[in-house]
Amino acid sequence: MTSAALRHFITVEEYLTGELTSEVKHEYIDGEVYAMAGASKEHIALVGNIYSALRAKLKGGPCVPYFNDLKIRLMIRGKDLFYYPDLVVGCDARDTDRFSLRFPKLIIEVMSPSTNRIDRTEKLQNYATIPSLEEYLLIEQDQPRVILHRRPKDWAGEVLEGLDSILHLESIGLAIPLSQIYEDIPGIV
């Protein structure tokens, strides 16, 4: 996709075809595409740490963790949306598309200054419309702090801070200390 393609309406089919060959990932909101910026070392390390814990917990079961390049496909009020979460867990046999999920169980975003507002508001509201989604986790990069939103608690945020805190992801039965999530992240002590 070229810069010019970012300024006019494109169809879902054009978007999906373009994403297969694009060097840059794009999120799609009702006909418009938005290029995604590259990630910091800290961002990548956080994703890797969490993915390792998810993979170890879920290996051999019906749920599979995916990171970075698998899209979430939504239809909200007749509008198509595609997001690239940092991590997502899928368990639903109805998800047969190779490049996206419609029925995720858990979505995780590592926040950056450029995505913080969207992750906390727009994505939370949109993800909450997914009937299969049980939890949405937001992870801060510069301090050991996570915000966990759960369907049974009407998506209210539960804040955990400090390396001694333990995150309980009830959707998949995983308890993980923040010290493990933030392992080898420079400046986090």
C-alpha atoms as a PDB file:
ATOM      1  CA  MET A   1       0.000   0.000   0.000  1.00  0.00           C
ATOM      2  CA  THR A   2       1.304   3.415  -0.866  1.00  0.00           C
ATOM      3  CA  SER A   3       0.910   6.626   1.086  1.00  0.00           C
ATOM      4  CA  ALA A   4      -1.750   7.719  -1.377  1.00  0.00           C
ATOM      5  CA  ALA A   5      -3.751   4.564  -0.585  1.00  0.00           C
ATOM      6  CA  LEU A   6      -3.909   5.661   3.040  1.00  0.00           C
ATOM      7  CA  ARG A   7      -6.072   8.680   2.170  1.00  0.00           C
ATOM      8  CA  HIS A   8      -9.049   7.189   0.368  1.00  0.00           C
ATOM      9  CA  PHE A   9     -11.669   4.561   1.107  1.00  0.00           C
ATOM     10  CA  ILE A  10     -10.681   1.000   0.308  1.00  0.00           C
ATOM     11  CA  THR A  11     -12.737  -2.153   0.485  1.00  0.00           C
ATOM     12  CA  VAL A  12     -12.116  -4.971   2.947  1.00  0.00           C
ATOM     13  CA  GLU A  13     -10.949  -7.131   0.038  1.00  0.00           C
ATOM     14  CA  GLU A  14      -8.425  -4.471  -1.098  1.00  0.00           C
ATOM     15  CA  TYR A  15      -7.175  -4.124   2.474  1.00  0.00           C
ATOM     16  CA  LEU A  16      -6.741  -7.859   3.005  1.00  0.00           C
ATOM     17  CA  THR A  17      -4.992  -8.299  -0.349  1.00  0.00           C
ATOM     18  CA  GLY A  18      -2.675  -5.380   0.370  1.00  0.00           C
ATOM     19  CA  GLU A  19      -1.771  -6.680   3.833  1.00  0.00           C
ATOM     20  CA  LEU A  20      -0.501  -9.936   2.340  1.00  0.00           C
ATOM     21  CA  THR A  21       2.337  -8.110   0.538  1.00  0.00           C
ATOM     22  CA  SER A  22       2.766  -4.901   2.543  1.00  0.00           C
ATOM     23  CA  GLU A  23       6.018  -4.379   4.445  1.00  0.00           C
ATOM     24  CA  VAL A  24       4.086  -2.238   6.939  1.00  0.00           C
ATOM     25  CA  LYS A  25       1.081  -3.484   8.924  1.00  0.00           C
ATOM     26  CA  HIS A  26      -2.099  -1.413   8.793  1.00  0.00           C
ATOM     27  CA  GLU A  27      -5.183  -1.358  10.938  1.00  0.00           C
ATOM     28  CA  TYR A  28      -8.476  -0.916   9.085  1.00  0.00           C
ATOM     29  CA  ILE A  29     -11.372   1.194  10.331  1.00  0.00           C
ATOM     30  CA  ASP A  30     -14.436   1.303   8.072  1.00  0.00           C
ATOM     31  CA  GLY A  31     -12.622   1.858   4.774  1.00  0.00           C
ATOM     32  CA  GLU A  32      -9.558   3.733   6.013  1.00  0.00           C
ATOM     33  CA  VAL A  33      -6.182   2.221   6.811  1.00  0.00           C
ATOM     34  CA  TYR A  34      -3.688   3.397   9.389  1.00  0.00           C
ATOM     35  CA  ALA A  35      -0.030   2.415   9.244  1.00  0.00           C
ATOM     36  CA  MET A  36       1.424   0.981  12.425  1.00  0.00           C
ATOM     37  CA  ALA A  37       4.738   2.215  13.779  1.00  0.00           C
ATOM     38  CA  GLY A  38       7.611  -0.093  14.610  1.00  0.00           C
ATOM     39  CA  ALA A  39       8.044  -1.341  18.172  1.00  0.00           C
ATOM     40  CA  SER A  40      10.731  -0.532  20.732  1.00  0.00           C
ATOM     41  CA  LYS A  41      13.075  -3.146  22.196  1.00  0.00           C
ATOM     42  CA  GLU A  42      11.134  -2.972  25.451  1.00  0.00           C
ATOM     43  CA  HIS A  43       7.847  -3.534  23.646  1.00  0.00           C
ATOM     44  CA  ILE A  44       9.214  -6.572  21.822  1.00  0.00           C
ATOM     45  CA  ALA A  45      10.750  -8.016  25.015  1.00  0.00           C
ATOM     46  CA  LEU A  46       7.463  -7.626  26.924  1.00  0.00           C
ATOM     47  CA  VAL A  47       5.553  -9.381  24.144  1.00  0.00           C
ATOM     48  CA  GLY A  48       8.154 -12.165  24.122  1.00  0.00           C
ATOM     49  CA  ASN A  49       8.031 -12.636  27.895  1.00  0.00           C
ATOM     50  CA  ILE A  50       4.253 -12.907  27.943  1.00  0.00           C
ATOM     51  CA  TYR A  51       4.113 -15.106  24.852  1.00  0.00           C
ATOM     52  CA  SER A  52       6.572 -17.543  26.492  1.00  0.00           C
ATOM     53  CA  ALA A  53       4.333 -17.859  29.562  1.00  0.00           C
ATOM     54  CA  LEU A  54       1.190 -18.230  27.444  1.00  0.00           C
ATOM     55  CA  ARG A  55       2.788 -20.846  25.190  1.00  0.00           C
ATOM     56  CA  ALA A  56       4.058 -22.903  28.139  1.00  0.00           C
ATOM     57  CA  LYS A  57       0.609 -22.843  29.783  1.00  0.00           C
ATOM     58  CA  LEU A  58      -1.469 -23.556  26.665  1.00  0.00           C
ATOM     59  CA  LYS A  59       0.750 -26.017  24.802  1.00  0.00           C
ATOM     60  CA  GLY A  60      -1.163 -29.096  23.707  1.00  0.00           C
ATOM     61  CA  GLY A  61      -4.591 -27.676  24.561  1.00  0.00           C
ATOM     62  CA  PRO A  62      -7.390 -26.170  22.500  1.00  0.00           C
ATOM     63  CA  CYS A  63      -6.201 -22.582  23.034  1.00  0.00           C
ATOM     64  CA  VAL A  64      -3.330 -21.095  21.024  1.00  0.00           C
ATOM     65  CA  PRO A  65      -1.445 -17.843  21.676  1.00  0.00           C
ATOM     66  CA  TYR A  66      -0.490 -15.648  18.711  1.00  0.00           C
ATOM     67  CA  PHE A  67       1.616 -12.502  18.629  1.00  0.00           C
ATOM     68  CA  ASN A  68       2.048  -9.400  16.455  1.00  0.00           C
ATOM     69  CA  ASP A  69       0.807 -10.372  13.019  1.00  0.00           C
ATOM     70  CA  LEU A  70      -2.617 -11.946  13.531  1.00  0.00           C
ATOM     71  CA  LYS A  71      -5.533  -9.562  13.045  1.00  0.00           C
ATOM     72  CA  ILE A  72      -8.741  -9.323  15.064  1.00  0.00           C
ATOM     73  CA  ARG A  73     -11.718  -8.857  12.734  1.00  0.00           C
ATOM     74  CA  LEU A  74     -14.752  -6.979  14.066  1.00  0.00           C
ATOM     75  CA  MET A  75     -18.069  -5.787  12.724  1.00  0.00           C
ATOM     76  CA  ILE A  76     -19.481  -2.929  14.789  1.00  0.00           C
ATOM     77  CA  ARG A  77     -22.651  -1.105  13.783  1.00  0.00           C
ATOM     78  CA  GLY A  78     -22.178  -2.294  10.205  1.00  0.00           C
ATOM     79  CA  LYS A  79     -18.544  -1.165  10.048  1.00  0.00           C
ATOM     80  CA  ASP A  80     -15.605  -3.482   9.406  1.00  0.00           C
ATOM     81  CA  LEU A  81     -12.576  -3.105  11.678  1.00  0.00           C
ATOM     82  CA  PHE A  82      -9.259  -4.949  11.787  1.00  0.00           C
ATOM     83  CA  TYR A  83      -6.767  -4.509  14.623  1.00  0.00           C
ATOM     84  CA  TYR A  84      -3.361  -6.097  15.201  1.00  0.00           C
ATOM     85  CA  PRO A  85      -3.135  -6.773  18.948  1.00  0.00           C
ATOM     86  CA  ASP A  86       0.275  -7.564  20.396  1.00  0.00           C
ATOM     87  CA  LEU A  87      -0.944 -10.925  21.692  1.00  0.00           C
ATOM     88  CA  VAL A  88      -4.182 -12.828  21.360  1.00  0.00           C
ATOM     89  CA  VAL A  89      -5.388 -16.230  22.526  1.00  0.00           C
ATOM     90  CA  GLY A  90      -7.815 -18.118  20.332  1.00  0.00           C
ATOM     91  CA  CYS A  91      -9.720 -21.229  21.399  1.00  0.00           C
ATOM     92  CA  ASP A  92     -12.773 -21.210  19.143  1.00  0.00           C
ATOM     93  CA  ALA A  93     -13.096 -23.769  16.342  1.00  0.00           C
ATOM     94  CA  ARG A  94     -15.121 -21.238  14.323  1.00  0.00           C
ATOM     95  CA  ASP A  95     -11.910 -19.270  13.720  1.00  0.00           C
ATOM     96  CA  THR A  96     -10.824 -20.879  10.462  1.00  0.00           C
ATOM     97  CA  ASP A  97      -9.255 -17.895   8.672  1.00  0.00           C
ATOM     98  CA  ARG A  98      -5.442 -18.110   8.542  1.00  0.00           C
ATOM     99  CA  PHE A  99      -4.890 -14.359   8.994  1.00  0.00           C
ATOM    100  CA  SER A 100      -7.480 -13.220  11.537  1.00  0.00           C
ATOM    101  CA  LEU A 101      -9.597 -14.185  14.528  1.00  0.00           C
ATOM    102  CA  ARG A 102     -13.224 -13.243  15.168  1.00  0.00           C
ATOM    103  CA  PHE A 103     -13.633 -15.149  18.436  1.00  0.00           C
ATOM    104  CA  PRO A 104     -10.627 -14.456  20.684  1.00  0.00           C
ATOM    105  CA  LYS A 105     -10.676 -15.354  24.370  1.00  0.00           C
ATOM    106  CA  LEU A 106      -7.905 -13.022  25.567  1.00  0.00           C
ATOM    107  CA  ILE A 107      -6.357  -9.915  23.967  1.00  0.00           C
ATOM    108  CA  ILE A 108      -3.182  -8.238  25.221  1.00  0.00           C
ATOM    109  CA  GLU A 109      -1.789  -4.852  24.189  1.00  0.00           C
ATOM    110  CA  VAL A 110       1.569  -3.407  25.224  1.00  0.00           C
ATOM    111  CA  MET A 111       0.949   0.318  25.366  1.00  0.00           C
ATOM    112  CA  SER A 112       3.239   2.948  23.932  1.00  0.00           C
ATOM    113  CA  PRO A 113       2.867   6.737  24.039  1.00  0.00           C
ATOM    114  CA  SER A 114       1.393   6.709  20.529  1.00  0.00           C
ATOM    115  CA  THR A 115      -1.186   3.952  21.250  1.00  0.00           C
ATOM    116  CA  ASN A 116      -2.042   4.559  24.908  1.00  0.00           C
ATOM    117  CA  ARG A 117      -5.252   6.552  24.335  1.00  0.00           C
ATOM    118  CA  ILE A 118      -6.577   4.246  21.604  1.00  0.00           C
ATOM    119  CA  ASP A 119      -5.751   1.076  23.586  1.00  0.00           C
ATOM    120  CA  ARG A 120      -7.528   2.397  26.723  1.00  0.00           C
ATOM    121  CA  THR A 121     -10.635   3.765  25.031  1.00  0.00           C
ATOM    122  CA  GLU A 122     -11.442   2.867  21.419  1.00  0.00           C
ATOM    123  CA  LYS A 123     -10.032  -0.652  21.467  1.00  0.00           C
ATOM    124  CA  LEU A 124     -11.480  -1.417  24.909  1.00  0.00           C
ATOM    125  CA  GLN A 125     -14.946  -0.358  23.730  1.00  0.00           C
ATOM    126  CA  ASN A 126     -14.657  -2.251  20.456  1.00  0.00           C
ATOM    127  CA  TYR A 127     -13.115  -5.401  21.907  1.00  0.00           C
ATOM    128  CA  ALA A 128     -15.821  -5.504  24.602  1.00  0.00           C
ATOM    129  CA  THR A 129     -18.357  -6.186  21.829  1.00  0.00           C
ATOM    130  CA  ILE A 130     -16.731  -9.548  21.042  1.00  0.00           C
ATOM    131  CA  PRO A 131     -18.929 -12.173  22.759  1.00  0.00           C
ATOM    132  CA  SER A 132     -16.087 -14.700  23.150  1.00  0.00           C
ATOM    133  CA  LEU A 133     -13.649 -12.215  24.730  1.00  0.00           C
ATOM    134  CA  GLU A 134     -13.218 -12.748  28.467  1.00  0.00           C
ATOM    135  CA  GLU A 135     -10.228 -10.510  29.271  1.00  0.00           C
ATOM    136  CA  TYR A 136      -8.351  -7.541  27.815  1.00  0.00           C
ATOM    137  CA  LEU A 137      -4.926  -6.791  29.296  1.00  0.00           C
ATOM    138  CA  LEU A 138      -3.003  -3.533  28.909  1.00  0.00           C
ATOM    139  CA  ILE A 139       0.699  -3.505  29.772  1.00  0.00           C
ATOM    140  CA  GLU A 140       2.771  -0.389  30.368  1.00  0.00           C
ATOM    141  CA  GLN A 141       6.331  -0.334  29.025  1.00  0.00           C
ATOM    142  CA  ASP A 142       8.109   2.047  31.374  1.00  0.00           C
ATOM    143  CA  GLN A 143       6.942   0.745  34.749  1.00  0.00           C
ATOM    144  CA  PRO A 144       5.703  -2.577  36.155  1.00  0.00           C
ATOM    145  CA  ARG A 145       2.012  -1.759  35.797  1.00  0.00           C
ATOM    146  CA  VAL A 146      -0.797  -3.636  34.039  1.00  0.00           C
ATOM    147  CA  ILE A 147      -4.517  -2.986  33.717  1.00  0.00           C
ATOM    148  CA  LEU A 148      -6.776  -6.017  33.389  1.00  0.00           C
ATOM    149  CA  HIS A 149     -10.320  -5.644  32.068  1.00  0.00           C
ATOM    150  CA  ARG A 150     -12.708  -8.590  32.536  1.00  0.00           C
ATOM    151  CA  ARG A 151     -16.140  -9.252  31.053  1.00  0.00           C
ATOM    152  CA  PRO A 152     -17.579 -10.527  34.375  1.00  0.00           C
ATOM    153  CA  LYS A 153     -16.613  -7.182  35.955  1.00  0.00           C
ATOM    154  CA  ASP A 154     -18.248  -5.125  33.169  1.00  0.00           C
ATOM    155  CA  TRP A 155     -14.809  -4.310  31.743  1.00  0.00           C
ATOM    156  CA  ALA A 156     -13.781  -2.188  34.751  1.00  0.00           C
ATOM    157  CA  GLY A 157      -9.995  -1.952  34.949  1.00  0.00           C
ATOM    158  CA  GLU A 158      -8.106  -3.749  37.708  1.00  0.00           C
ATOM    159  CA  VAL A 159      -4.645  -2.182  38.170  1.00  0.00           C
ATOM    160  CA  LEU A 160      -1.665  -4.238  39.314  1.00  0.00           C
ATOM    161  CA  GLU A 161       1.610  -2.488  40.094  1.00  0.00           C
ATOM    162  CA  GLY A 162       5.049  -3.566  41.239  1.00  0.00           C
ATOM    163  CA  LEU A 163       7.228  -6.529  40.416  1.00  0.00           C
ATOM    164  CA  ASP A 164       5.849  -8.483  43.395  1.00  0.00           C
ATOM    165  CA  SER A 165       2.280  -8.404  42.027  1.00  0.00           C
ATOM    166  CA  ILE A 166       0.845 -11.525  40.433  1.00  0.00           C
ATOM    167  CA  LEU A 167      -1.427 -11.286  37.417  1.00  0.00           C
ATOM    168  CA  HIS A 168      -4.238 -13.862  37.305  1.00  0.00           C
ATOM    169  CA  LEU A 169      -5.593 -14.443  33.804  1.00  0.00           C
ATOM    170  CA  GLU A 170      -8.744 -16.369  34.686  1.00  0.00           C
ATOM    171  CA  SER A 171      -9.699 -16.881  31.044  1.00  0.00           C
ATOM    172  CA  ILE A 172      -6.836 -19.332  30.581  1.00  0.00           C
ATOM    173  CA  GLY A 173      -5.977 -20.248  34.182  1.00  0.00           C
ATOM    174  CA  LEU A 174      -2.556 -18.563  34.229  1.00  0.00           C
ATOM    175  CA  ALA A 175      -0.939 -16.802  37.180  1.00  0.00           C
ATOM    176  CA  ILE A 176       2.164 -14.841  36.199  1.00  0.00           C
ATOM    177  CA  PRO A 177       4.257 -12.519  38.373  1.00  0.00           C
ATOM    178  CA  LEU A 178       4.892  -9.062  36.967  1.00  0.00           C
ATOM    179  CA  SER A 179       8.581  -9.770  37.614  1.00  0.00           C
ATOM    180  CA  GLN A 180       8.372 -12.431  34.866  1.00  0.00           C
ATOM    181  CA  ILE A 181       6.531 -10.109  32.473  1.00  0.00           C
ATOM    182  CA  TYR A 182       9.116  -7.344  33.015  1.00  0.00           C
ATOM    183  CA  GLU A 183      12.163  -9.629  33.064  1.00  0.00           C
ATOM    184  CA  ASP A 184      15.150  -8.121  31.231  1.00  0.00           C
ATOM    185  CA  ILE A 185      13.389  -4.808  30.576  1.00  0.00           C
ATOM    186  CA  PRO A 186      15.978  -2.013  30.982  1.00  0.00           C
ATOM    187  CA  GLY A 187      15.209   0.462  33.743  1.00  0.00           C
ATOM    188  CA  ILE A 188      12.655  -1.776  35.491  1.00  0.00           C
ATOM    189  CA  VAL A 189      13.817  -2.727  38.971  1.00  0.00           C
END
